[in-house]
Amino acid sequence: MGYSDIAGKQRIVAVCGVKNSGKTTLLERIVKELSKRELKIAVIKHDGHDFSCDIPGTDSYRLKEAGAYGTAVFSDARVFIHKTGAGDYARSLIEMFPEADVIFLEGMKDTAFPKIEVIREGISRLPVSNREGRFLIVTDKNPGDYEEETARFEEIEQIVDRILRRISPEKKAGKGVSER
């Protein structure tokens, strides 16, 4: 996808899998563990379908409905950007988090970024992601069914340690990963 220049500057991991496989639940647990280790984490979620991101009745919604192709609202504490049209949004969003120790992409199964695939019994059977970059499968199925290293959903500390080793092999699995 042409992200090699970004990958050299940012520590990025995609978490992918089919719909309802548990990607968000796994990411919640990973983010909580990394936050306990005092790391700054950002998550960018890719939605393969269109979605609504503004609240009807707000000023930004009204301006978007009036025809603005983009709106932004910000305060001292947060920013909200709503932009319509084609573009390399993943790149733009990644660049918005330069202070993050790790950026997770939820989805983006076709990327070559380091990635974890979630495979859940009754939901999915085989990996669906681009094999390039895939370093771990988190599953409740038989680990012997897969060529890649596997982990169980409840092994969060071990999963986080594997993530940190993968994205920063010269660093220890804990505080200090953000040193560049």
N, C-alpha and C. Protein backbone atom coordinates (compact mmCIF):
# COMPACT_ATOMS: atom_id res chain seq x y z
N MET A 1 0.81 -1.20 0.00
CA MET A 1 0.00 0.00 0.00
C MET A 1 0.85 1.26 0.00
N GLY A 2 2.15 1.13 -0.03
CA GLY A 2 2.98 2.31 -0.09
C GLY A 2 3.18 3.03 1.23
N TYR A 3 3.19 2.30 2.32
CA TYR A 3 3.35 2.91 3.63
C TYR A 3 4.74 2.71 4.21
N SER A 4 5.69 2.27 3.40
CA SER A 4 7.00 1.94 3.96
C SER A 4 7.67 3.14 4.61
N ASP A 5 7.45 4.34 4.08
CA ASP A 5 8.07 5.52 4.69
C ASP A 5 7.47 5.81 6.06
N ILE A 6 6.18 5.56 6.23
CA ILE A 6 5.53 5.76 7.52
C ILE A 6 5.97 4.67 8.49
N ALA A 7 6.05 3.46 8.01
CA ALA A 7 6.39 2.33 8.88
C ALA A 7 7.76 2.54 9.52
N GLY A 8 8.66 3.25 8.84
CA GLY A 8 9.97 3.52 9.40
C GLY A 8 9.92 4.52 10.54
N LYS A 9 8.88 5.34 10.59
CA LYS A 9 8.76 6.39 11.60
C LYS A 9 7.83 6.00 12.75
N GLN A 10 6.85 5.18 12.47
CA GLN A 10 5.83 4.84 13.45
C GLN A 10 5.85 3.33 13.71
N ARG A 11 5.44 2.96 14.90
CA ARG A 11 5.27 1.54 15.23
C ARG A 11 3.80 1.23 15.03
N ILE A 12 3.52 0.44 14.00
CA ILE A 12 2.14 0.19 13.58
C ILE A 12 1.88 -1.31 13.54
N VAL A 13 0.72 -1.71 14.07
CA VAL A 13 0.29 -3.10 14.03
C VAL A 13 -1.17 -3.12 13.63
N ALA A 14 -1.50 -3.93 12.63
CA ALA A 14 -2.89 -4.12 12.23
C ALA A 14 -3.46 -5.32 12.99
N VAL A 15 -4.71 -5.21 13.38
CA VAL A 15 -5.44 -6.32 13.98
C VAL A 15 -6.63 -6.56 13.06
N CYS A 16 -6.63 -7.72 12.40
CA CYS A 16 -7.66 -7.96 11.39
C CYS A 16 -8.34 -9.30 11.63
N GLY A 17 -9.37 -9.53 10.86
CA GLY A 17 -10.16 -10.75 10.93
C GLY A 17 -11.53 -10.45 10.36
N VAL A 18 -12.33 -11.48 10.21
CA VAL A 18 -13.67 -11.27 9.65
C VAL A 18 -14.55 -10.57 10.67
N LYS A 19 -15.68 -10.06 10.20
CA LYS A 19 -16.62 -9.35 11.06
C LYS A 19 -17.05 -10.23 12.23
N ASN A 20 -17.13 -9.63 13.40
CA ASN A 20 -17.56 -10.30 14.64
C ASN A 20 -16.60 -11.36 15.16
N SER A 21 -15.34 -11.30 14.72
CA SER A 21 -14.37 -12.29 15.20
C SER A 21 -13.77 -11.91 16.55
N GLY A 22 -13.95 -10.66 16.98
CA GLY A 22 -13.43 -10.25 18.28
C GLY A 22 -12.28 -9.27 18.21
N LYS A 23 -12.11 -8.60 17.07
CA LYS A 23 -11.00 -7.65 16.90
C LYS A 23 -11.05 -6.53 17.93
N THR A 24 -12.20 -5.90 18.09
CA THR A 24 -12.31 -4.77 19.02
C THR A 24 -12.11 -5.23 20.46
N THR A 25 -12.69 -6.35 20.83
CA THR A 25 -12.53 -6.87 22.19
C THR A 25 -11.06 -7.17 22.47
N LEU A 26 -10.37 -7.79 21.52
CA LEU A 26 -8.95 -8.06 21.69
C LEU A 26 -8.17 -6.76 21.82
N LEU A 27 -8.47 -5.80 20.95
CA LEU A 27 -7.77 -4.51 21.00
C LEU A 27 -8.00 -3.80 22.33
N GLU A 28 -9.20 -3.85 22.85
CA GLU A 28 -9.47 -3.23 24.17
C GLU A 28 -8.52 -3.79 25.22
N ARG A 29 -8.36 -5.09 25.22
CA ARG A 29 -7.53 -5.75 26.21
C ARG A 29 -6.04 -5.43 25.99
N ILE A 30 -5.63 -5.38 24.72
CA ILE A 30 -4.24 -5.03 24.39
C ILE A 30 -3.94 -3.60 24.80
N VAL A 31 -4.86 -2.68 24.47
CA VAL A 31 -4.67 -1.26 24.81
C VAL A 31 -4.59 -1.08 26.32
N LYS A 32 -5.45 -1.77 27.04
CA LYS A 32 -5.43 -1.68 28.50
C LYS A 32 -4.09 -2.15 29.06
N GLU A 33 -3.56 -3.26 28.54
CA GLU A 33 -2.28 -3.79 29.02
C GLU A 33 -1.13 -2.85 28.65
N LEU A 34 -1.12 -2.34 27.44
CA LEU A 34 -0.05 -1.42 27.04
C LEU A 34 -0.12 -0.12 27.82
N SER A 35 -1.32 0.35 28.12
CA SER A 35 -1.49 1.57 28.92
C SER A 35 -0.97 1.35 30.34
N LYS A 36 -1.20 0.15 30.90
CA LYS A 36 -0.64 -0.18 32.22
C LYS A 36 0.87 -0.11 32.19
N ARG A 37 1.46 -0.39 31.03
CA ARG A 37 2.92 -0.36 30.87
C ARG A 37 3.40 1.05 30.51
N GLU A 38 2.50 2.01 30.64
CA GLU A 38 2.80 3.43 30.44
C GLU A 38 3.18 3.79 29.02
N LEU A 39 2.57 3.11 28.05
CA LEU A 39 2.77 3.43 26.65
C LEU A 39 1.58 4.22 26.13
N LYS A 40 1.82 5.10 25.18
CA LYS A 40 0.78 5.92 24.58
C LYS A 40 0.30 5.22 23.31
N ILE A 41 -0.99 4.90 23.26
CA ILE A 41 -1.53 4.07 22.20
C ILE A 41 -2.60 4.85 21.42
N ALA A 42 -2.58 4.70 20.10
CA ALA A 42 -3.65 5.22 19.25
C ALA A 42 -4.24 4.04 18.48
N VAL A 43 -5.53 4.13 18.19
CA VAL A 43 -6.20 3.09 17.40
C VAL A 43 -6.95 3.77 16.27
N ILE A 44 -6.73 3.28 15.06
CA ILE A 44 -7.44 3.77 13.88
C ILE A 44 -8.26 2.61 13.35
N LYS A 45 -9.55 2.80 13.30
CA LYS A 45 -10.45 1.72 12.86
C LYS A 45 -10.85 1.93 11.41
N HIS A 46 -10.64 0.90 10.61
CA HIS A 46 -11.09 0.93 9.22
C HIS A 46 -12.44 0.23 9.16
N ASP A 47 -13.40 0.86 8.51
CA ASP A 47 -14.72 0.28 8.33
C ASP A 47 -14.90 0.02 6.85
N GLY A 48 -15.11 -1.22 6.48
CA GLY A 48 -15.27 -1.59 5.08
C GLY A 48 -16.58 -1.10 4.49
N HIS A 49 -17.44 -0.56 5.31
CA HIS A 49 -18.74 -0.05 4.86
C HIS A 49 -18.80 1.42 5.23
N ASP A 50 -19.75 2.13 4.68
CA ASP A 50 -19.92 3.53 5.05
C ASP A 50 -20.52 3.59 6.45
N PHE A 51 -20.29 4.68 7.14
CA PHE A 51 -20.81 4.83 8.50
C PHE A 51 -21.15 6.28 8.75
N SER A 52 -21.94 6.52 9.76
CA SER A 52 -22.30 7.87 10.16
C SER A 52 -21.42 8.27 11.33
N CYS A 53 -20.80 9.44 11.24
CA CYS A 53 -19.87 9.82 12.30
C CYS A 53 -20.21 11.16 12.95
N ASP A 54 -21.30 11.76 12.58
CA ASP A 54 -21.67 13.05 13.15
C ASP A 54 -23.07 12.92 13.74
N ILE A 55 -23.38 13.76 14.68
CA ILE A 55 -24.66 13.68 15.37
C ILE A 55 -25.65 14.66 14.75
N PRO A 56 -26.79 14.15 14.27
CA PRO A 56 -27.79 15.05 13.69
C PRO A 56 -28.16 16.18 14.65
N GLY A 57 -28.24 17.38 14.10
CA GLY A 57 -28.60 18.54 14.90
C GLY A 57 -27.42 19.37 15.36
N THR A 58 -26.21 18.80 15.37
CA THR A 58 -25.04 19.59 15.78
C THR A 58 -24.67 20.55 14.66
N ASP A 59 -23.91 21.57 15.00
CA ASP A 59 -23.49 22.55 14.00
C ASP A 59 -22.70 21.90 12.88
N SER A 60 -21.76 21.02 13.21
CA SER A 60 -20.94 20.39 12.18
C SER A 60 -21.79 19.52 11.26
N TYR A 61 -22.79 18.84 11.82
CA TYR A 61 -23.70 18.02 11.01
C TYR A 61 -24.47 18.91 10.05
N ARG A 62 -24.98 20.00 10.56
CA ARG A 62 -25.77 20.91 9.73
C ARG A 62 -24.93 21.48 8.59
N LEU A 63 -23.69 21.83 8.87
CA LEU A 63 -22.81 22.37 7.83
C LEU A 63 -22.45 21.30 6.80
N LYS A 64 -22.25 20.08 7.24
CA LYS A 64 -21.99 18.97 6.31
C LYS A 64 -23.20 18.73 5.42
N GLU A 65 -24.38 18.73 6.02
CA GLU A 65 -25.61 18.54 5.26
C GLU A 65 -25.85 19.69 4.28
N ALA A 66 -25.33 20.87 4.59
CA ALA A 66 -25.49 22.02 3.71
C ALA A 66 -24.58 21.92 2.48
N GLY A 67 -23.62 20.99 2.53
CA GLY A 67 -22.79 20.78 1.36
C GLY A 67 -21.30 20.86 1.57
N ALA A 68 -20.83 21.13 2.78
CA ALA A 68 -19.39 21.15 3.03
C ALA A 68 -18.83 19.74 2.85
N TYR A 69 -17.74 19.61 2.11
CA TYR A 69 -17.16 18.27 1.94
C TYR A 69 -16.40 17.83 3.18
N GLY A 70 -16.10 18.79 4.06
CA GLY A 70 -15.41 18.45 5.29
C GLY A 70 -15.74 19.44 6.38
N THR A 71 -15.76 18.93 7.60
CA THR A 71 -15.93 19.79 8.78
C THR A 71 -14.96 19.32 9.85
N ALA A 72 -14.59 20.22 10.73
CA ALA A 72 -13.73 19.87 11.85
C ALA A 72 -14.19 20.66 13.07
N VAL A 73 -14.19 20.00 14.20
CA VAL A 73 -14.53 20.63 15.47
C VAL A 73 -13.38 20.32 16.42
N PHE A 74 -12.90 21.31 17.15
CA PHE A 74 -11.82 21.04 18.09
C PHE A 74 -12.00 21.88 19.34
N SER A 75 -11.42 21.37 20.41
CA SER A 75 -11.38 22.09 21.68
C SER A 75 -9.98 21.90 22.24
N ASP A 76 -9.77 22.32 23.45
CA ASP A 76 -8.46 22.10 24.06
C ASP A 76 -8.22 20.62 24.36
N ALA A 77 -9.28 19.82 24.36
CA ALA A 77 -9.17 18.42 24.77
C ALA A 77 -9.30 17.41 23.63
N ARG A 78 -9.92 17.79 22.48
CA ARG A 78 -10.13 16.80 21.42
C ARG A 78 -10.36 17.45 20.08
N VAL A 79 -10.31 16.61 19.03
CA VAL A 79 -10.56 17.06 17.67
C VAL A 79 -11.45 16.03 16.98
N PHE A 80 -12.34 16.51 16.14
CA PHE A 80 -13.21 15.65 15.35
C PHE A 80 -13.16 16.16 13.92
N ILE A 81 -12.83 15.28 12.99
CA ILE A 81 -12.75 15.65 11.58
C ILE A 81 -13.69 14.73 10.81
N HIS A 82 -14.50 15.33 9.97
CA HIS A 82 -15.42 14.58 9.12
C HIS A 82 -15.14 15.04 7.69
N LYS A 83 -14.62 14.14 6.87
CA LYS A 83 -14.24 14.48 5.52
C LYS A 83 -14.79 13.43 4.57
N THR A 84 -15.39 13.87 3.49
CA THR A 84 -15.99 12.97 2.52
C THR A 84 -15.17 12.97 1.24
N GLY A 85 -15.04 11.82 0.63
CA GLY A 85 -14.35 11.72 -0.65
C GLY A 85 -13.27 10.67 -0.61
N ALA A 86 -12.66 10.44 -1.75
CA ALA A 86 -11.59 9.46 -1.84
C ALA A 86 -10.29 10.07 -1.36
N GLY A 87 -9.47 9.24 -0.80
CA GLY A 87 -8.17 9.72 -0.34
C GLY A 87 -7.46 8.66 0.45
N ASP A 88 -6.22 8.89 0.75
CA ASP A 88 -5.43 7.96 1.54
C ASP A 88 -5.59 8.34 3.02
N TYR A 89 -6.76 8.04 3.54
CA TYR A 89 -7.08 8.44 4.91
C TYR A 89 -6.21 7.74 5.94
N ALA A 90 -5.86 6.49 5.70
CA ALA A 90 -5.03 5.78 6.68
C ALA A 90 -3.72 6.53 6.88
N ARG A 91 -3.08 6.93 5.80
CA ARG A 91 -1.82 7.67 5.90
C ARG A 91 -2.03 8.96 6.69
N SER A 92 -3.07 9.71 6.36
CA SER A 92 -3.35 10.98 7.05
C SER A 92 -3.59 10.76 8.53
N LEU A 93 -4.33 9.72 8.86
CA LEU A 93 -4.64 9.45 10.26
C LEU A 93 -3.40 9.00 11.03
N ILE A 94 -2.59 8.17 10.42
CA ILE A 94 -1.35 7.74 11.06
C ILE A 94 -0.48 8.95 11.38
N GLU A 95 -0.41 9.87 10.45
CA GLU A 95 0.42 11.06 10.65
C GLU A 95 -0.13 11.98 11.74
N MET A 96 -1.40 11.81 12.12
CA MET A 96 -1.99 12.64 13.17
C MET A 96 -1.57 12.19 14.57
N PHE A 97 -0.87 11.06 14.68
CA PHE A 97 -0.50 10.52 15.99
C PHE A 97 1.01 10.33 16.11
N PRO A 98 1.79 11.38 15.87
CA PRO A 98 3.25 11.22 15.92
C PRO A 98 3.78 10.89 17.31
N GLU A 99 3.03 11.23 18.34
CA GLU A 99 3.49 11.00 19.71
C GLU A 99 3.14 9.60 20.22
N ALA A 100 2.42 8.82 19.43
CA ALA A 100 2.01 7.48 19.87
C ALA A 100 3.21 6.53 19.89
N ASP A 101 3.28 5.73 20.95
CA ASP A 101 4.29 4.67 21.00
C ASP A 101 3.93 3.55 20.03
N VAL A 102 2.63 3.24 19.95
CA VAL A 102 2.13 2.21 19.04
C VAL A 102 0.81 2.70 18.46
N ILE A 103 0.63 2.51 17.16
CA ILE A 103 -0.65 2.78 16.51
C ILE A 103 -1.20 1.45 16.02
N PHE A 104 -2.42 1.14 16.43
CA PHE A 104 -3.09 -0.06 15.96
C PHE A 104 -4.07 0.32 14.86
N LEU A 105 -4.09 -0.47 13.82
CA LEU A 105 -5.08 -0.34 12.77
C LEU A 105 -6.05 -1.49 12.94
N GLU A 106 -7.30 -1.19 13.18
CA GLU A 106 -8.28 -2.28 13.25
C GLU A 106 -8.82 -2.48 11.85
N GLY A 107 -8.58 -3.66 11.31
CA GLY A 107 -8.95 -3.95 9.93
C GLY A 107 -7.72 -3.89 9.05
N MET A 108 -7.90 -3.46 7.82
CA MET A 108 -6.81 -3.32 6.84
C MET A 108 -6.05 -4.63 6.65
N LYS A 109 -6.80 -5.68 6.42
CA LYS A 109 -6.21 -7.02 6.30
C LYS A 109 -5.26 -7.17 5.11
N ASP A 110 -5.35 -6.26 4.13
CA ASP A 110 -4.50 -6.38 2.95
C ASP A 110 -3.16 -5.66 3.08
N THR A 111 -2.97 -4.93 4.17
CA THR A 111 -1.74 -4.18 4.36
C THR A 111 -0.56 -5.11 4.63
N ALA A 112 0.64 -4.59 4.40
CA ALA A 112 1.87 -5.36 4.70
C ALA A 112 2.41 -5.01 6.08
N PHE A 113 1.73 -4.12 6.81
CA PHE A 113 2.16 -3.81 8.18
C PHE A 113 2.20 -5.09 9.00
N PRO A 114 2.99 -5.12 10.07
CA PRO A 114 2.90 -6.26 10.98
C PRO A 114 1.45 -6.41 11.41
N LYS A 115 0.99 -7.64 11.42
CA LYS A 115 -0.43 -7.82 11.74
C LYS A 115 -0.70 -9.09 12.52
N ILE A 116 -1.79 -8.97 13.28
CA ILE A 116 -2.35 -10.08 14.05
C ILE A 116 -3.70 -10.38 13.41
N GLU A 117 -3.97 -11.65 13.19
CA GLU A 117 -5.30 -12.01 12.70
C GLU A 117 -6.06 -12.74 13.79
N VAL A 118 -7.32 -12.38 13.93
CA VAL A 118 -8.21 -12.99 14.91
C VAL A 118 -9.07 -14.02 14.19
N ILE A 119 -9.02 -15.26 14.67
CA ILE A 119 -9.83 -16.35 14.11
C ILE A 119 -10.60 -16.98 15.25
N ARG A 120 -11.91 -16.95 15.15
CA ARG A 120 -12.77 -17.43 16.24
C ARG A 120 -13.66 -18.57 15.75
N GLU A 121 -13.74 -19.60 16.60
CA GLU A 121 -14.59 -20.76 16.33
C GLU A 121 -16.01 -20.32 15.99
N GLY A 122 -16.54 -20.86 14.92
CA GLY A 122 -17.90 -20.55 14.52
C GLY A 122 -18.04 -19.26 13.72
N ILE A 123 -16.97 -18.47 13.64
CA ILE A 123 -17.00 -17.20 12.90
C ILE A 123 -16.10 -17.28 11.68
N SER A 124 -14.89 -17.79 11.87
CA SER A 124 -13.94 -17.91 10.76
C SER A 124 -13.13 -19.18 10.93
N ARG A 125 -12.52 -19.62 9.84
CA ARG A 125 -11.79 -20.86 9.88
C ARG A 125 -10.33 -20.69 9.51
N LEU A 126 -10.09 -19.99 8.40
CA LEU A 126 -8.73 -19.80 7.90
C LEU A 126 -8.39 -18.31 7.88
N PRO A 127 -7.11 -17.99 7.86
CA PRO A 127 -6.72 -16.57 7.75
C PRO A 127 -7.25 -15.96 6.46
N VAL A 128 -7.67 -14.70 6.53
CA VAL A 128 -8.17 -13.99 5.35
C VAL A 128 -7.26 -12.82 4.99
N SER A 129 -6.24 -12.57 5.82
CA SER A 129 -5.38 -11.41 5.60
C SER A 129 -4.22 -11.73 4.67
N ASN A 130 -3.63 -10.66 4.15
CA ASN A 130 -2.40 -10.75 3.38
C ASN A 130 -1.35 -11.40 4.30
N ARG A 131 -0.74 -12.44 3.83
CA ARG A 131 0.24 -13.18 4.65
C ARG A 131 1.45 -12.32 5.01
N GLU A 132 1.81 -11.37 4.13
CA GLU A 132 2.95 -10.50 4.38
C GLU A 132 2.72 -9.69 5.66
N GLY A 133 3.61 -9.81 6.58
CA GLY A 133 3.52 -9.07 7.83
C GLY A 133 2.79 -9.80 8.95
N ARG A 134 2.00 -10.82 8.61
CA ARG A 134 1.24 -11.51 9.66
C ARG A 134 2.19 -12.31 10.55
N PHE A 135 2.19 -11.98 11.84
CA PHE A 135 3.14 -12.62 12.75
C PHE A 135 2.45 -13.38 13.88
N LEU A 136 1.14 -13.23 14.02
CA LEU A 136 0.46 -13.91 15.12
C LEU A 136 -1.01 -14.12 14.76
N ILE A 137 -1.52 -15.28 15.13
CA ILE A 137 -2.95 -15.56 15.03
C ILE A 137 -3.46 -15.75 16.45
N VAL A 138 -4.48 -14.98 16.81
CA VAL A 138 -5.13 -15.14 18.11
C VAL A 138 -6.41 -15.91 17.85
N THR A 139 -6.54 -17.05 18.53
CA THR A 139 -7.63 -17.95 18.21
C THR A 139 -8.06 -18.78 19.41
N ASP A 140 -9.26 -19.32 19.32
CA ASP A 140 -9.74 -20.29 20.30
C ASP A 140 -9.78 -21.68 19.66
N LYS A 141 -9.20 -21.80 18.47
CA LYS A 141 -9.14 -23.07 17.75
C LYS A 141 -7.81 -23.76 18.01
N ASN A 142 -7.60 -24.91 17.40
CA ASN A 142 -6.39 -25.69 17.56
C ASN A 142 -5.20 -24.95 16.96
N PRO A 143 -4.18 -24.62 17.76
CA PRO A 143 -3.01 -23.90 17.25
C PRO A 143 -2.29 -24.65 16.13
N GLY A 144 -2.38 -25.96 16.12
CA GLY A 144 -1.73 -26.76 15.10
C GLY A 144 -2.32 -26.59 13.71
N ASP A 145 -3.47 -25.92 13.62
CA ASP A 145 -4.10 -25.69 12.32
C ASP A 145 -3.43 -24.57 11.52
N TYR A 146 -2.49 -23.85 12.14
CA TYR A 146 -1.92 -22.66 11.52
C TYR A 146 -0.41 -22.73 11.47
N GLU A 147 0.15 -22.14 10.42
CA GLU A 147 1.61 -22.09 10.26
C GLU A 147 2.23 -21.04 11.17
N GLU A 148 1.52 -19.92 11.39
CA GLU A 148 2.03 -18.84 12.21
C GLU A 148 1.95 -19.19 13.69
N GLU A 149 2.69 -18.43 14.46
CA GLU A 149 2.60 -18.53 15.91
C GLU A 149 1.16 -18.18 16.32
N THR A 150 0.67 -18.84 17.35
CA THR A 150 -0.70 -18.57 17.81
C THR A 150 -0.70 -18.22 19.30
N ALA A 151 -1.80 -17.60 19.70
CA ALA A 151 -2.03 -17.29 21.11
C ALA A 151 -3.53 -17.44 21.36
N ARG A 152 -3.87 -17.69 22.60
CA ARG A 152 -5.26 -17.77 23.03
C ARG A 152 -5.72 -16.36 23.40
N PHE A 153 -7.00 -16.10 23.35
CA PHE A 153 -7.56 -14.79 23.66
C PHE A 153 -7.21 -14.31 25.07
N GLU A 154 -7.12 -15.23 26.01
CA GLU A 154 -6.86 -14.84 27.39
C GLU A 154 -5.38 -14.57 27.69
N GLU A 155 -4.49 -14.81 26.74
CA GLU A 155 -3.05 -14.64 26.95
C GLU A 155 -2.59 -13.21 26.60
N ILE A 156 -3.25 -12.23 27.17
CA ILE A 156 -3.00 -10.83 26.80
C ILE A 156 -1.57 -10.39 27.08
N GLU A 157 -1.02 -10.70 28.24
CA GLU A 157 0.35 -10.29 28.53
C GLU A 157 1.33 -10.88 27.52
N GLN A 158 1.15 -12.14 27.17
CA GLN A 158 2.03 -12.78 26.19
C GLN A 158 1.83 -12.17 24.80
N ILE A 159 0.59 -11.86 24.44
CA ILE A 159 0.30 -11.22 23.15
C ILE A 159 0.99 -9.87 23.08
N VAL A 160 0.88 -9.08 24.14
CA VAL A 160 1.51 -7.76 24.18
C VAL A 160 3.04 -7.90 24.10
N ASP A 161 3.60 -8.85 24.80
CA ASP A 161 5.04 -9.07 24.72
C ASP A 161 5.46 -9.40 23.28
N ARG A 162 4.68 -10.23 22.60
CA ARG A 162 4.98 -10.58 21.20
C ARG A 162 4.88 -9.36 20.29
N ILE A 163 3.87 -8.54 20.52
CA ILE A 163 3.72 -7.30 19.73
C ILE A 163 4.95 -6.43 19.90
N LEU A 164 5.34 -6.20 21.14
CA LEU A 164 6.47 -5.32 21.41
C LEU A 164 7.77 -5.87 20.85
N ARG A 165 7.95 -7.18 20.92
CA ARG A 165 9.15 -7.78 20.32
C ARG A 165 9.13 -7.60 18.80
N ARG A 166 7.97 -7.74 18.21
CA ARG A 166 7.86 -7.65 16.75
C ARG A 166 8.14 -6.24 16.23
N ILE A 167 7.60 -5.25 16.91
CA ILE A 167 7.73 -3.88 16.40
C ILE A 167 8.98 -3.19 16.87
N SER A 168 9.62 -3.73 17.89
CA SER A 168 10.79 -3.08 18.44
C SER A 168 11.70 -4.12 19.06
N PRO A 169 12.32 -4.96 18.23
CA PRO A 169 13.10 -6.08 18.78
C PRO A 169 14.25 -5.67 19.67
N GLU A 170 14.76 -4.43 19.51
CA GLU A 170 15.88 -4.00 20.34
C GLU A 170 15.45 -3.49 21.69
N LYS A 171 14.13 -3.33 21.90
CA LYS A 171 13.63 -2.80 23.17
C LYS A 171 13.05 -3.92 24.02
N LYS A 172 12.99 -3.69 25.29
CA LYS A 172 12.36 -4.65 26.18
C LYS A 172 10.84 -4.48 26.09
N ALA A 173 10.11 -5.51 26.48
CA ALA A 173 8.65 -5.50 26.41
C ALA A 173 8.08 -4.69 27.55
N GLY A 174 8.21 -3.40 27.48
CA GLY A 174 7.66 -2.55 28.53
C GLY A 174 8.03 -1.10 28.30
N LYS A 175 8.09 -0.37 29.38
CA LYS A 175 8.37 1.07 29.30
C LYS A 175 9.69 1.31 28.54
N GLY A 176 9.70 2.38 27.76
CA GLY A 176 10.89 2.72 27.03
C GLY A 176 10.79 2.43 25.53
N VAL A 177 9.70 1.83 25.11
CA VAL A 177 9.52 1.50 23.70
C VAL A 177 9.46 2.76 22.85
N SER A 178 9.04 3.88 23.45
CA SER A 178 8.88 5.10 22.66
C SER A 178 10.20 5.79 22.34
N GLU A 179 11.27 5.36 22.93
CA GLU A 179 12.57 5.97 22.63
C GLU A 179 12.90 5.67 21.18
N ARG A 180 13.29 6.67 20.46
CA ARG A 180 13.53 6.49 19.03
C ARG A 180 15.01 6.47 18.73
